[in-house]
Amino acid sequence: MENLTDVPAKGLVLTCNLTNHDFIFNVIPLVYSCNFLLGIVGNSMVVAVIYYHLKLKTVANVFVLNLALSDLTFLITLPMWATYTALGYDWPFGDFLCKAVAGLAFFTLYASVFFLTALSIDRYLAIVHPVESRQCRTVAYAWCVCALVWLFAFALSLPMTYIRKTHFIKHANVTVCGLLDTEHKSLLAALSLMKAVFGFLLPLIIILTCYSLIGRALLEAGQIQKSSRTQGDEVLRMLAAAVLSFFLCWAPHQVFNFMEALLMLKQISDCAVVAVIDTAMPFAICIAFFNSCMNPILYGFVGKNFRRSLLKLLRCSSSSSILNHPNLSTKMSTLSYRASETAQSVERKNTTLPREN
């Protein structure tokens, strides 16, 4: 985040001073630690419940499992970032770990967002086109999509891994793990733009489109079949919460990410603005990281049967005594099938009436 100027053989000096707010160095590590604990516990429970009880028999469960794994992989980097911030932006882990941890953070960031998007597309197909999508919505297909997501996320993270490295700040006597804006200037701007497009804007558009179409389909199904309205309302609330959580968690970070790109392109040079970016960015990152804690709640614990399976897992119940309960995605698909069948029966009835006359 720092605006650095290269001074060969003597370390680096800053055109604008490093942010010197002690509350950042105290509060941010605490928030990182809370995110780490909450995220590890929540996502571990999701993995355990899906693996031991719900099983990988549905496309949605495969996507949710991979989403939880990507969040878990991302969360293991938080202790290092917490230590780095607590030491006043002094990186003690060496250049290799600077590259590796930064690359891993970007890798899992992209993977998590892509799995959220894939889950939204799958929910759209399952609810709006339940019959037509049955052939392509298989577990084997889901695993192929997951493999492509991991590969694409890894490819997007490679440039950041390459250019990220440690820099010694001479007058502050600290070693930062960051990006030197006098090197790879155009690449840094391109990476910031790529992060905004692939990591936020495009997924948000897809998610909003899918859930809007799902909401319309569920509302129409509720009008056809009155008994399904309560269940449809529950699903609509969950979908609205998922979209709202994604937007609120990532929007602040993307705003300051765009401002940081302008800083790299020298469109922003005022040290007061730089100070605002350096002060606000850690908090925006914390909010973005919190999405990894929200995912288990929104995509797992919202289902009553998921909670039952979790309680049985915590009680160490034997697998033979556990009944197979449909998860939330199964409920949503069942609702769409019932609506489709009802609509088809109504249509058949309307077409046969004139013949009787």
Protein backbone atom coordinates (compact mmCIF):
# COMPACT_ATOMS: atom_id res chain seq x y z
CA MET A 1 0.00 0.00 0.00
CA GLU A 2 2.93 2.31 0.54
CA ASN A 3 4.10 4.73 -2.16
CA LEU A 4 7.77 3.80 -2.48
CA THR A 5 10.70 5.34 -4.28
CA ASP A 6 13.72 3.21 -5.19
CA VAL A 7 17.12 4.16 -3.83
CA PRO A 8 19.69 1.57 -5.01
CA ALA A 9 22.00 0.01 -2.41
CA LYS A 10 20.63 2.21 0.36
CA GLY A 11 17.18 0.77 0.87
CA LEU A 12 13.97 2.63 0.12
CA VAL A 13 12.64 5.98 1.28
CA LEU A 14 9.04 7.12 1.13
CA THR A 15 7.62 10.06 -0.76
CA CYS A 16 4.80 9.87 1.81
CA ASN A 17 5.35 8.60 5.34
CA LEU A 18 4.05 5.25 6.50
CA THR A 19 0.73 5.29 8.34
CA ASN A 20 1.53 5.82 11.99
CA HIS A 21 -1.69 5.06 13.82
CA ASP A 22 -1.10 2.82 16.81
CA PHE A 23 -4.76 1.77 16.90
CA ILE A 24 -4.31 0.10 13.50
CA PHE A 25 -1.42 -1.98 14.82
CA ASN A 26 -3.53 -2.98 17.85
CA VAL A 27 -7.05 -3.36 16.43
CA ILE A 28 -6.38 -4.97 13.04
CA PRO A 29 -4.44 -7.98 14.44
CA LEU A 30 -7.28 -8.54 16.91
CA VAL A 31 -9.87 -8.47 14.11
CA TYR A 32 -7.73 -10.81 12.01
CA SER A 33 -7.53 -13.21 14.95
CA CYS A 34 -11.31 -13.16 15.44
CA ASN A 35 -11.87 -13.75 11.73
CA PHE A 36 -9.39 -16.62 11.85
CA LEU A 37 -11.07 -18.35 14.80
CA LEU A 38 -14.64 -17.86 13.59
CA GLY A 39 -13.79 -18.84 10.01
CA ILE A 40 -11.79 -21.92 10.95
CA VAL A 41 -14.53 -23.23 13.27
CA GLY A 42 -17.42 -22.46 10.90
CA ASN A 43 -15.84 -23.78 7.71
CA SER A 44 -14.44 -26.87 9.46
CA MET A 45 -17.95 -27.71 10.63
CA VAL A 46 -19.27 -27.30 7.09
CA VAL A 47 -16.60 -29.66 5.73
CA ALA A 48 -17.24 -32.23 8.48
CA VAL A 49 -21.03 -32.21 8.12
CA ILE A 50 -20.94 -32.46 4.32
CA TYR A 51 -18.31 -35.19 4.33
CA TYR A 52 -19.75 -37.37 7.11
CA HIS A 53 -23.51 -36.81 6.86
CA LEU A 54 -24.82 -34.93 3.83
CA LYS A 55 -22.27 -36.65 1.57
CA LEU A 56 -21.14 -35.47 -1.87
CA LYS A 57 -24.25 -36.66 -3.66
CA THR A 58 -25.43 -33.29 -4.98
CA VAL A 59 -23.82 -30.59 -7.10
CA ALA A 60 -24.55 -27.95 -4.46
CA ASN A 61 -22.77 -29.93 -1.74
CA VAL A 62 -19.68 -30.29 -3.94
CA PHE A 63 -19.57 -26.53 -4.51
CA VAL A 64 -20.19 -25.70 -0.84
CA LEU A 65 -17.45 -28.13 0.22
CA ASN A 66 -14.92 -26.55 -2.16
CA LEU A 67 -16.03 -23.08 -1.05
CA ALA A 68 -15.36 -24.04 2.57
CA LEU A 69 -11.97 -25.52 1.64
CA SER A 70 -10.96 -22.35 -0.22
CA ASP A 71 -12.00 -20.23 2.77
CA LEU A 72 -10.05 -22.50 5.12
CA THR A 73 -6.95 -22.25 2.94
CA PHE A 74 -7.27 -18.48 2.88
CA LEU A 75 -7.80 -18.25 6.64
CA ILE A 76 -4.51 -19.99 7.45
CA THR A 77 -2.70 -16.92 6.06
CA LEU A 78 -4.33 -14.58 8.59
CA PRO A 79 -1.95 -15.28 11.52
CA MET A 80 0.99 -14.06 9.40
CA TRP A 81 -0.86 -10.93 8.31
CA ALA A 82 -1.87 -10.32 11.94
CA THR A 83 1.76 -10.63 13.05
CA TYR A 84 2.90 -8.36 10.22
CA THR A 85 0.44 -5.64 11.25
CA ALA A 86 1.11 -6.02 14.97
CA LEU A 87 4.83 -5.44 14.31
CA GLY A 88 4.07 -2.13 12.58
CA TYR A 89 4.23 -3.48 9.01
CA ASP A 90 7.57 -5.19 9.63
CA TRP A 91 7.66 -8.53 7.79
CA PRO A 92 9.74 -11.07 9.76
CA PHE A 93 9.15 -14.18 7.63
CA GLY A 94 11.48 -13.62 4.70
CA ASP A 95 11.02 -13.00 0.98
CA PHE A 96 9.84 -16.52 0.07
CA LEU A 97 6.96 -16.52 2.53
CA CYS A 98 6.09 -12.97 1.48
CA LYS A 99 5.55 -14.22 -2.06
CA ALA A 100 3.93 -17.49 -1.02
CA VAL A 101 1.46 -16.06 1.49
CA ALA A 102 0.46 -13.16 -0.78
CA GLY A 103 0.00 -15.53 -3.72
CA LEU A 104 -2.01 -17.95 -1.58
CA ALA A 105 -4.24 -15.13 -0.35
CA PHE A 106 -5.03 -14.03 -3.92
CA PHE A 107 -5.41 -17.63 -5.09
CA THR A 108 -8.02 -18.48 -2.46
CA LEU A 109 -9.68 -15.06 -2.79
CA TYR A 110 -10.43 -15.73 -6.46
CA ALA A 111 -11.40 -19.36 -5.77
CA SER A 112 -13.86 -18.38 -3.04
CA VAL A 113 -15.57 -15.77 -5.23
CA PHE A 114 -15.72 -18.17 -8.18
CA PHE A 115 -17.28 -20.93 -6.07
CA LEU A 116 -19.91 -18.48 -4.83
CA THR A 117 -20.64 -17.67 -8.47
CA ALA A 118 -20.75 -21.34 -9.49
CA LEU A 119 -23.12 -22.06 -6.62
CA SER A 120 -25.41 -19.25 -7.78
CA ILE A 121 -25.47 -20.60 -11.35
CA ASP A 122 -26.19 -24.11 -10.06
CA ARG A 123 -29.08 -22.83 -7.91
CA TYR A 124 -30.49 -21.00 -10.93
CA LEU A 125 -30.37 -24.14 -13.08
CA ALA A 126 -31.81 -26.33 -10.33
CA ILE A 127 -34.72 -24.04 -9.52
CA VAL A 128 -35.59 -22.29 -12.77
CA HIS A 129 -34.73 -25.14 -15.18
CA PRO A 130 -34.93 -28.29 -13.03
CA VAL A 131 -35.80 -30.71 -15.84
CA GLU A 132 -33.64 -29.33 -18.64
CA SER A 133 -30.52 -29.11 -16.45
CA ARG A 134 -30.64 -32.63 -15.01
CA GLN A 135 -28.21 -34.07 -17.56
CA CYS A 136 -25.49 -31.44 -17.01
CA ARG A 137 -26.00 -31.07 -13.25
CA THR A 138 -24.13 -34.19 -12.17
CA VAL A 139 -21.54 -34.69 -9.45
CA ALA A 140 -18.89 -35.52 -12.07
CA TYR A 141 -19.70 -32.28 -13.86
CA ALA A 142 -19.44 -30.38 -10.57
CA TRP A 143 -15.97 -31.76 -9.85
CA CYS A 144 -14.83 -30.78 -13.35
CA VAL A 145 -16.07 -27.23 -12.73
CA CYS A 146 -14.26 -27.16 -9.39
CA ALA A 147 -11.01 -28.26 -11.02
CA LEU A 148 -11.35 -25.48 -13.61
CA VAL A 149 -12.06 -22.94 -10.85
CA TRP A 150 -8.93 -23.94 -8.91
CA LEU A 151 -6.79 -23.79 -12.07
CA PHE A 152 -8.16 -20.42 -13.18
CA ALA A 153 -7.74 -18.93 -9.70
CA PHE A 154 -4.18 -20.23 -9.56
CA ALA A 155 -3.37 -18.67 -12.94
CA LEU A 156 -4.76 -15.30 -11.85
CA SER A 157 -2.66 -15.36 -8.66
CA LEU A 158 0.69 -16.09 -10.38
CA PRO A 159 1.50 -12.48 -11.45
CA MET A 160 0.93 -11.19 -7.92
CA THR A 161 3.13 -13.96 -6.52
CA TYR A 162 5.89 -13.00 -8.95
CA ILE A 163 6.02 -9.24 -8.28
CA ARG A 164 5.32 -9.32 -4.52
CA LYS A 165 8.48 -9.17 -2.43
CA THR A 166 10.09 -7.65 0.62
CA HIS A 167 11.47 -4.09 0.65
CA PHE A 168 13.61 -2.49 3.35
CA ILE A 169 12.40 0.99 4.37
CA LYS A 170 15.51 2.83 5.43
CA HIS A 171 14.33 5.62 7.72
CA ALA A 172 11.58 3.50 9.35
CA ASN A 173 13.95 0.54 9.80
CA VAL A 174 11.27 -1.98 8.76
CA THR A 175 10.99 -4.58 6.01
CA VAL A 176 7.62 -4.47 4.28
CA CYS A 177 5.99 -7.18 2.19
CA GLY A 178 4.51 -5.21 -0.65
CA LEU A 179 4.66 -3.91 -4.20
CA LEU A 180 7.17 -1.37 -5.49
CA ASP A 181 5.23 1.06 -7.64
CA THR A 182 8.29 2.18 -9.60
CA GLU A 183 8.58 -1.37 -10.95
CA HIS A 184 5.97 -3.18 -13.08
CA LYS A 185 3.86 -0.01 -13.15
CA SER A 186 1.55 -1.07 -15.97
CA LEU A 187 1.35 -4.62 -14.61
CA LEU A 188 0.25 -3.35 -11.20
CA ALA A 189 -2.52 -1.28 -12.76
CA ALA A 190 -3.61 -4.26 -14.87
CA LEU A 191 -3.67 -6.53 -11.81
CA SER A 192 -5.79 -4.04 -9.86
CA LEU A 193 -8.22 -3.82 -12.77
CA MET A 194 -8.28 -7.60 -13.12
CA LYS A 195 -8.97 -7.97 -9.39
CA ALA A 196 -11.89 -5.53 -9.63
CA VAL A 197 -13.40 -7.20 -12.72
CA PHE A 198 -12.85 -10.91 -12.03
CA GLY A 199 -12.89 -10.69 -8.24
CA PHE A 200 -15.96 -8.49 -7.81
CA LEU A 201 -17.85 -6.86 -10.70
CA LEU A 202 -18.34 -9.87 -12.99
CA PRO A 203 -19.20 -12.31 -10.15
CA LEU A 204 -21.58 -9.74 -8.62
CA ILE A 205 -23.40 -9.28 -11.93
CA ILE A 206 -23.75 -13.05 -12.38
CA ILE A 207 -24.88 -13.60 -8.78
CA LEU A 208 -27.43 -10.77 -8.94
CA THR A 209 -28.79 -12.02 -12.25
CA CYS A 210 -29.12 -15.62 -11.06
CA TYR A 211 -30.76 -14.76 -7.76
CA SER A 212 -33.11 -12.26 -9.40
CA LEU A 213 -34.31 -14.96 -11.79
CA ILE A 214 -34.56 -17.42 -8.90
CA GLY A 215 -36.61 -14.94 -6.90
CA ARG A 216 -38.98 -14.37 -9.79
CA ALA A 217 -39.38 -18.13 -10.30
CA LEU A 218 -40.08 -18.71 -6.61
CA LEU A 219 -42.64 -15.91 -6.51
CA GLU A 220 -44.42 -17.40 -9.53
CA ALA A 221 -44.29 -20.83 -7.91
CA GLY A 222 -45.79 -19.37 -4.73
CA GLN A 223 -48.69 -17.92 -6.73
CA ILE A 224 -49.39 -21.27 -8.37
CA GLN A 225 -49.01 -23.30 -5.18
CA LYS A 226 -50.02 -21.44 -2.02
CA SER A 227 -48.59 -24.08 0.32
CA SER A 228 -45.06 -23.46 -0.97
CA ARG A 229 -45.06 -19.74 -0.18
CA THR A 230 -43.57 -20.07 3.31
CA GLN A 231 -40.72 -22.24 2.07
CA GLY A 232 -40.16 -19.94 -0.90
CA ASP A 233 -40.00 -16.90 1.37
CA GLU A 234 -37.35 -18.63 3.49
CA VAL A 235 -35.25 -19.36 0.41
CA LEU A 236 -35.68 -15.80 -0.89
CA ARG A 237 -34.46 -14.38 2.43
CA MET A 238 -31.38 -16.62 2.30
CA LEU A 239 -30.59 -15.63 -1.27
CA ALA A 240 -31.05 -11.92 -0.51
CA ALA A 241 -28.76 -12.25 2.52
CA ALA A 242 -26.11 -13.98 0.39
CA VAL A 243 -26.08 -11.21 -2.22
CA LEU A 244 -26.11 -8.48 0.42
CA SER A 245 -23.27 -10.11 2.36
CA PHE A 246 -21.13 -10.48 -0.76
CA PHE A 247 -21.65 -6.85 -1.77
CA LEU A 248 -21.19 -5.30 1.68
CA CYS A 249 -18.07 -7.33 2.44
CA TRP A 250 -16.27 -6.69 -0.84
CA ALA A 251 -17.44 -3.25 -1.99
CA PRO A 252 -15.30 -1.16 0.46
CA HIS A 253 -12.17 -3.12 -0.42
CA GLN A 254 -12.78 -2.74 -4.15
CA VAL A 255 -13.29 1.03 -3.79
CA PHE A 256 -9.95 1.48 -2.06
CA ASN A 257 -8.35 -1.03 -4.41
CA PHE A 258 -9.37 1.25 -7.29
CA MET A 259 -7.95 4.28 -5.45
CA GLU A 260 -4.73 2.36 -4.90
CA ALA A 261 -4.54 1.66 -8.64
CA LEU A 262 -4.83 5.41 -9.28
CA LEU A 263 -2.04 5.92 -6.76
CA MET A 264 0.18 3.47 -8.64
CA LEU A 265 -0.54 5.29 -11.91
CA LYS A 266 0.45 8.60 -10.25
CA GLN A 267 -3.08 9.94 -10.70
CA ILE A 268 -3.10 10.47 -6.92
CA SER A 269 -0.04 12.06 -5.35
CA ASP A 270 -1.44 14.02 -2.40
CA CYS A 271 0.01 12.55 0.81
CA ALA A 272 -3.26 13.31 2.65
CA VAL A 273 -5.15 11.06 0.22
CA VAL A 274 -2.41 8.43 0.51
CA ALA A 275 -2.83 8.54 4.29
CA VAL A 276 -6.57 7.98 3.94
CA ILE A 277 -5.97 4.97 1.68
CA ASP A 278 -3.34 3.49 4.00
CA THR A 279 -5.59 4.00 7.03
CA ALA A 280 -8.82 2.71 5.49
CA MET A 281 -7.43 -0.21 3.47
CA PRO A 282 -6.67 -2.48 6.50
CA PHE A 283 -10.24 -2.08 7.73
CA ALA A 284 -11.65 -2.67 4.25
CA ILE A 285 -9.56 -5.84 4.04
CA CYS A 286 -10.92 -6.97 7.41
CA ILE A 287 -14.49 -6.54 6.16
CA ALA A 288 -13.66 -8.50 2.99
CA PHE A 289 -12.04 -11.25 5.05
CA PHE A 290 -15.21 -11.49 7.16
CA ASN A 291 -17.04 -12.88 4.12
CA SER A 292 -15.15 -16.13 4.70
CA CYS A 293 -16.83 -16.31 8.11
CA MET A 294 -20.27 -15.50 6.71
CA ASN A 295 -20.23 -18.18 4.01
CA PRO A 296 -20.75 -21.13 6.43
CA ILE A 297 -23.73 -19.33 7.99
CA LEU A 298 -25.40 -18.39 4.72
CA TYR A 299 -24.73 -21.58 2.76
CA GLY A 300 -24.79 -24.17 5.52
CA PHE A 301 -26.32 -23.35 8.86
CA VAL A 302 -29.43 -21.74 7.38
CA GLY A 303 -30.82 -25.24 6.78
CA LYS A 304 -32.58 -26.93 9.72
CA ASN A 305 -31.43 -30.39 8.60
CA PHE A 306 -27.86 -29.15 8.35
CA ARG A 307 -28.09 -28.04 11.97
CA ARG A 308 -29.50 -31.42 12.96
CA SER A 309 -26.60 -33.17 11.24
CA LEU A 310 -24.15 -30.82 12.97
CA LEU A 311 -25.64 -31.57 16.39
CA LYS A 312 -25.46 -35.29 15.72
CA LEU A 313 -21.86 -34.92 14.62
CA LEU A 314 -20.99 -33.01 17.79
CA ARG A 315 -22.73 -35.68 19.87
CA CYS A 316 -20.67 -38.34 18.10
CA SER A 317 -23.77 -40.24 17.00
CA SER A 318 -23.23 -43.45 15.10
CA SER A 319 -23.75 -43.17 11.37
CA SER A 320 -26.28 -45.98 11.39
CA SER A 321 -28.65 -44.02 13.60
CA ILE A 322 -28.59 -40.91 11.43
CA LEU A 323 -31.39 -40.43 8.97
CA ASN A 324 -30.69 -38.96 5.58
CA HIS A 325 -32.18 -35.47 5.59
CA PRO A 326 -32.44 -33.33 2.49
CA ASN A 327 -30.33 -30.20 2.65
CA LEU A 328 -31.47 -26.72 1.71
CA SER A 329 -30.51 -27.12 -1.93
CA THR A 330 -32.68 -30.24 -2.16
CA LYS A 331 -35.60 -28.32 -0.67
CA MET A 332 -35.10 -25.55 -3.22
CA SER A 333 -34.97 -28.01 -6.11
CA THR A 334 -38.06 -29.85 -4.82
CA LEU A 335 -39.93 -26.57 -4.67
CA SER A 336 -39.10 -25.82 -8.29
CA TYR A 337 -40.10 -29.35 -9.40
CA ARG A 338 -43.46 -29.02 -7.65
CA ALA A 339 -44.03 -25.65 -9.23
CA SER A 340 -43.15 -27.00 -12.67
CA GLU A 341 -45.43 -30.00 -12.26
CA THR A 342 -48.28 -27.80 -11.05
CA ALA A 343 -47.84 -25.42 -13.99
CA GLN A 344 -47.76 -28.32 -16.44
CA SER A 345 -50.93 -29.86 -14.96
CA VAL A 346 -52.73 -26.54 -15.15
CA GLU A 347 -51.65 -26.12 -18.76
CA ARG A 348 -52.81 -29.63 -19.69
CA LYS A 349 -56.14 -29.00 -18.02
CA ASN A 350 -56.64 -25.74 -19.93
CA THR A 351 -55.81 -27.39 -23.24
CA THR A 352 -58.23 -30.30 -22.70
CA LEU A 353 -61.25 -28.21 -21.68
CA PRO A 354 -62.10 -26.94 -25.21
CA ARG A 355 -62.08 -30.49 -26.57
CA GLU A 356 -64.78 -31.51 -24.08
CA ASN A 357 -66.97 -28.66 -25.27
